[in-house]
Amino acid sequence: MSLTSTMAGDTRVITVNVERIDAAMAIQFKEDMRSETEAGPDRVILDLSQVTFIDSSGLGAIVASMKQLGGNRRLDLAGLTPIVDKVFRLTRMDTVFNLFATLDDALAVHPN
């Protein structure tokens, strides 16, 4: 799994640099996310703009990553491609995560 992590103000931005988050990489994704988010700010944005496919294992890995944050920390999602966005909406995960069309849109929102 190829993740890159940067800071934008008081927000950690993690970019997924692969086209698929599926069963073949879900476990590695969770481990990499844990490493990237073990410590840090309360808000993490996962940039999914390069991801064109996600299956139930990938969805579960993102949910697990959110739960790993614990406490008052939160995981927002940005840059969902149409198919990935559809998966999140069909599974009602859009009620669990804040979804943003672009990373810039996500960064423009200041958490309370």
C-alpha atoms as a PDB file:
ATOM      1  CA  MET A   1       0.000   0.000   0.000  1.00  0.00           C
ATOM      2  CA  SER A   2       1.343   3.356  -0.850  1.00  0.00           C
ATOM      3  CA  LEU A   3       0.258   6.152   1.480  1.00  0.00           C
ATOM      4  CA  THR A   4       1.779   9.598   1.736  1.00  0.00           C
ATOM      5  CA  SER A   5       1.179  11.809   4.707  1.00  0.00           C
ATOM      6  CA  THR A   6       1.491  15.567   5.037  1.00  0.00           C
ATOM      7  CA  MET A   7       0.342  18.225   7.457  1.00  0.00           C
ATOM      8  CA  ALA A   8      -1.929  21.072   6.365  1.00  0.00           C
ATOM      9  CA  GLY A   9      -2.200  23.402   9.333  1.00  0.00           C
ATOM     10  CA  ASP A  10      -3.584  21.317  12.195  1.00  0.00           C
ATOM     11  CA  THR A  11      -4.830  18.529   9.914  1.00  0.00           C
ATOM     12  CA  ARG A  12      -3.034  15.389   8.757  1.00  0.00           C
ATOM     13  CA  VAL A  13      -3.698  14.601   5.083  1.00  0.00           C
ATOM     14  CA  ILE A  14      -3.113  11.017   4.017  1.00  0.00           C
ATOM     15  CA  THR A  15      -3.180  10.355   0.284  1.00  0.00           C
ATOM     16  CA  VAL A  16      -3.842   6.856  -1.025  1.00  0.00           C
ATOM     17  CA  ASN A  17      -1.536   6.343  -4.010  1.00  0.00           C
ATOM     18  CA  VAL A  18      -3.190   3.233  -5.480  1.00  0.00           C
ATOM     19  CA  GLU A  19      -6.236   2.695  -7.673  1.00  0.00           C
ATOM     20  CA  ARG A  20      -7.799  -0.125  -5.615  1.00  0.00           C
ATOM     21  CA  ILE A  21      -8.526  -0.753  -1.957  1.00  0.00           C
ATOM     22  CA  ASP A  22      -9.707  -4.347  -1.942  1.00  0.00           C
ATOM     23  CA  ALA A  23      -9.374  -7.638  -0.064  1.00  0.00           C
ATOM     24  CA  ALA A  24      -5.830  -8.121  -1.344  1.00  0.00           C
ATOM     25  CA  MET A  25      -4.604  -4.976   0.382  1.00  0.00           C
ATOM     26  CA  ALA A  26      -7.083  -4.262   3.189  1.00  0.00           C
ATOM     27  CA  ILE A  27      -4.876  -5.613   5.995  1.00  0.00           C
ATOM     28  CA  GLN A  28      -1.822  -3.689   4.769  1.00  0.00           C
ATOM     29  CA  PHE A  29      -3.966  -0.563   4.407  1.00  0.00           C
ATOM     30  CA  LYS A  30      -5.101  -0.815   8.058  1.00  0.00           C
ATOM     31  CA  GLU A  31      -1.516  -1.318   9.253  1.00  0.00           C
ATOM     32  CA  ASP A  32      -0.235   1.606   7.190  1.00  0.00           C
ATOM     33  CA  MET A  33      -3.060   3.846   8.398  1.00  0.00           C
ATOM     34  CA  ARG A  34      -2.301   2.904  12.016  1.00  0.00           C
ATOM     35  CA  SER A  35       1.360   3.829  11.501  1.00  0.00           C
ATOM     36  CA  GLU A  36       0.465   7.159   9.901  1.00  0.00           C
ATOM     37  CA  THR A  37      -2.148   8.141  12.493  1.00  0.00           C
ATOM     38  CA  GLU A  38      -0.778   6.722  15.776  1.00  0.00           C
ATOM     39  CA  ALA A  39      -0.070  10.192  17.010  1.00  0.00           C
ATOM     40  CA  GLY A  40      -1.023  13.500  15.582  1.00  0.00           C
ATOM     41  CA  PRO A  41      -3.820  15.986  15.198  1.00  0.00           C
ATOM     42  CA  ASP A  42      -7.481  15.368  15.948  1.00  0.00           C
ATOM     43  CA  ARG A  43      -8.470  15.622  12.300  1.00  0.00           C
ATOM     44  CA  VAL A  44      -7.275  13.298   9.549  1.00  0.00           C
ATOM     45  CA  ILE A  45      -8.357  13.635   5.928  1.00  0.00           C
ATOM     46  CA  LEU A  46      -8.033  10.586   3.696  1.00  0.00           C
ATOM     47  CA  ASP A  47      -7.553  11.707   0.092  1.00  0.00           C
ATOM     48  CA  LEU A  48      -9.097   9.018  -2.114  1.00  0.00           C
ATOM     49  CA  SER A  49      -8.830  10.903  -5.412  1.00  0.00           C
ATOM     50  CA  GLN A  50      -6.613   8.221  -7.005  1.00  0.00           C
ATOM     51  CA  VAL A  51      -8.816   5.307  -5.872  1.00  0.00           C
ATOM     52  CA  THR A  52     -11.133   4.056  -8.618  1.00  0.00           C
ATOM     53  CA  PHE A  53     -12.325   0.830  -6.949  1.00  0.00           C
ATOM     54  CA  ILE A  54     -13.179  -0.228  -3.417  1.00  0.00           C
ATOM     55  CA  ASP A  55     -14.793  -3.456  -2.240  1.00  0.00           C
ATOM     56  CA  SER A  56     -16.340  -4.405   1.103  1.00  0.00           C
ATOM     57  CA  SER A  57     -12.921  -5.300   2.535  1.00  0.00           C
ATOM     58  CA  GLY A  58     -11.590  -1.888   1.574  1.00  0.00           C
ATOM     59  CA  LEU A  59     -14.623  -0.202   3.061  1.00  0.00           C
ATOM     60  CA  GLY A  60     -14.139  -2.211   6.248  1.00  0.00           C
ATOM     61  CA  ALA A  61     -10.472  -1.190   6.363  1.00  0.00           C
ATOM     62  CA  ILE A  62     -11.407   2.504   6.189  1.00  0.00           C
ATOM     63  CA  VAL A  63     -14.028   2.057   8.930  1.00  0.00           C
ATOM     64  CA  ALA A  64     -11.448   0.212  11.065  1.00  0.00           C
ATOM     65  CA  SER A  65      -8.994   3.072  10.493  1.00  0.00           C
ATOM     66  CA  MET A  66     -11.596   5.533  11.740  1.00  0.00           C
ATOM     67  CA  LYS A  67     -12.194   3.433  14.855  1.00  0.00           C
ATOM     68  CA  GLN A  68      -8.439   3.194  15.499  1.00  0.00           C
ATOM     69  CA  LEU A  69      -8.291   6.956  15.856  1.00  0.00           C
ATOM     70  CA  GLY A  70     -10.468   6.773  18.973  1.00  0.00           C
ATOM     71  CA  GLY A  71     -11.300   9.618  21.316  1.00  0.00           C
ATOM     72  CA  ASN A  72     -12.205  12.932  19.766  1.00  0.00           C
ATOM     73  CA  ARG A  73     -10.219  12.338  16.601  1.00  0.00           C
ATOM     74  CA  ARG A  74     -12.026  12.103  13.291  1.00  0.00           C
ATOM     75  CA  LEU A  75     -11.451  10.813   9.785  1.00  0.00           C
ATOM     76  CA  ASP A  76     -12.891  12.747   6.862  1.00  0.00           C
ATOM     77  CA  LEU A  77     -12.814  11.521   3.263  1.00  0.00           C
ATOM     78  CA  ALA A  78     -12.024  13.647   0.231  1.00  0.00           C
ATOM     79  CA  GLY A  79     -11.824  13.305  -3.536  1.00  0.00           C
ATOM     80  CA  LEU A  80     -14.023  10.249  -3.937  1.00  0.00           C
ATOM     81  CA  THR A  81     -14.283   9.157  -7.552  1.00  0.00           C
ATOM     82  CA  PRO A  82     -17.848   8.428  -8.773  1.00  0.00           C
ATOM     83  CA  ILE A  83     -17.703   4.656  -8.208  1.00  0.00           C
ATOM     84  CA  VAL A  84     -16.110   4.977  -4.759  1.00  0.00           C
ATOM     85  CA  ASP A  85     -18.610   7.691  -3.812  1.00  0.00           C
ATOM     86  CA  LYS A  86     -21.465   5.419  -4.894  1.00  0.00           C
ATOM     87  CA  VAL A  87     -20.186   2.594  -2.656  1.00  0.00           C
ATOM     88  CA  PHE A  88     -20.089   4.918   0.365  1.00  0.00           C
ATOM     89  CA  ARG A  89     -23.594   6.224  -0.319  1.00  0.00           C
ATOM     90  CA  LEU A  90     -25.156   2.813  -1.069  1.00  0.00           C
ATOM     91  CA  THR A  91     -23.765   1.429   2.184  1.00  0.00           C
ATOM     92  CA  ARG A  92     -24.918   4.552   4.060  1.00  0.00           C
ATOM     93  CA  MET A  93     -21.343   5.261   5.108  1.00  0.00           C
ATOM     94  CA  ASP A  94     -22.011   8.854   4.063  1.00  0.00           C
ATOM     95  CA  THR A  95     -23.829   9.095   7.410  1.00  0.00           C
ATOM     96  CA  VAL A  96     -20.681   7.950   9.245  1.00  0.00           C
ATOM     97  CA  PHE A  97     -18.036   9.965   7.397  1.00  0.00           C
ATOM     98  CA  ASN A  98     -17.910  13.547   6.195  1.00  0.00           C
ATOM     99  CA  LEU A  99     -17.440  13.244   2.422  1.00  0.00           C
ATOM    100  CA  PHE A 100     -15.885  16.090   0.447  1.00  0.00           C
ATOM    101  CA  ALA A 101     -15.719  16.363  -3.343  1.00  0.00           C
ATOM    102  CA  THR A 102     -12.117  17.581  -3.251  1.00  0.00           C
ATOM    103  CA  LEU A 103      -9.241  17.835  -0.817  1.00  0.00           C
ATOM    104  CA  ASP A 104      -9.463  21.624  -1.064  1.00  0.00           C
ATOM    105  CA  ASP A 105     -13.138  21.457  -0.012  1.00  0.00           C
ATOM    106  CA  ALA A 106     -12.192  19.335   2.994  1.00  0.00           C
ATOM    107  CA  LEU A 107      -9.366  21.666   4.007  1.00  0.00           C
ATOM    108  CA  ALA A 108     -11.670  24.681   3.733  1.00  0.00           C
ATOM    109  CA  VAL A 109     -13.858  23.289   6.538  1.00  0.00           C
ATOM    110  CA  HIS A 110     -12.536  24.083   9.977  1.00  0.00           C
ATOM    111  CA  PRO A 111     -13.511  21.462  12.570  1.00  0.00           C
ATOM    112  CA  ASN A 112     -15.246  22.607  15.719  1.00  0.00           C
END
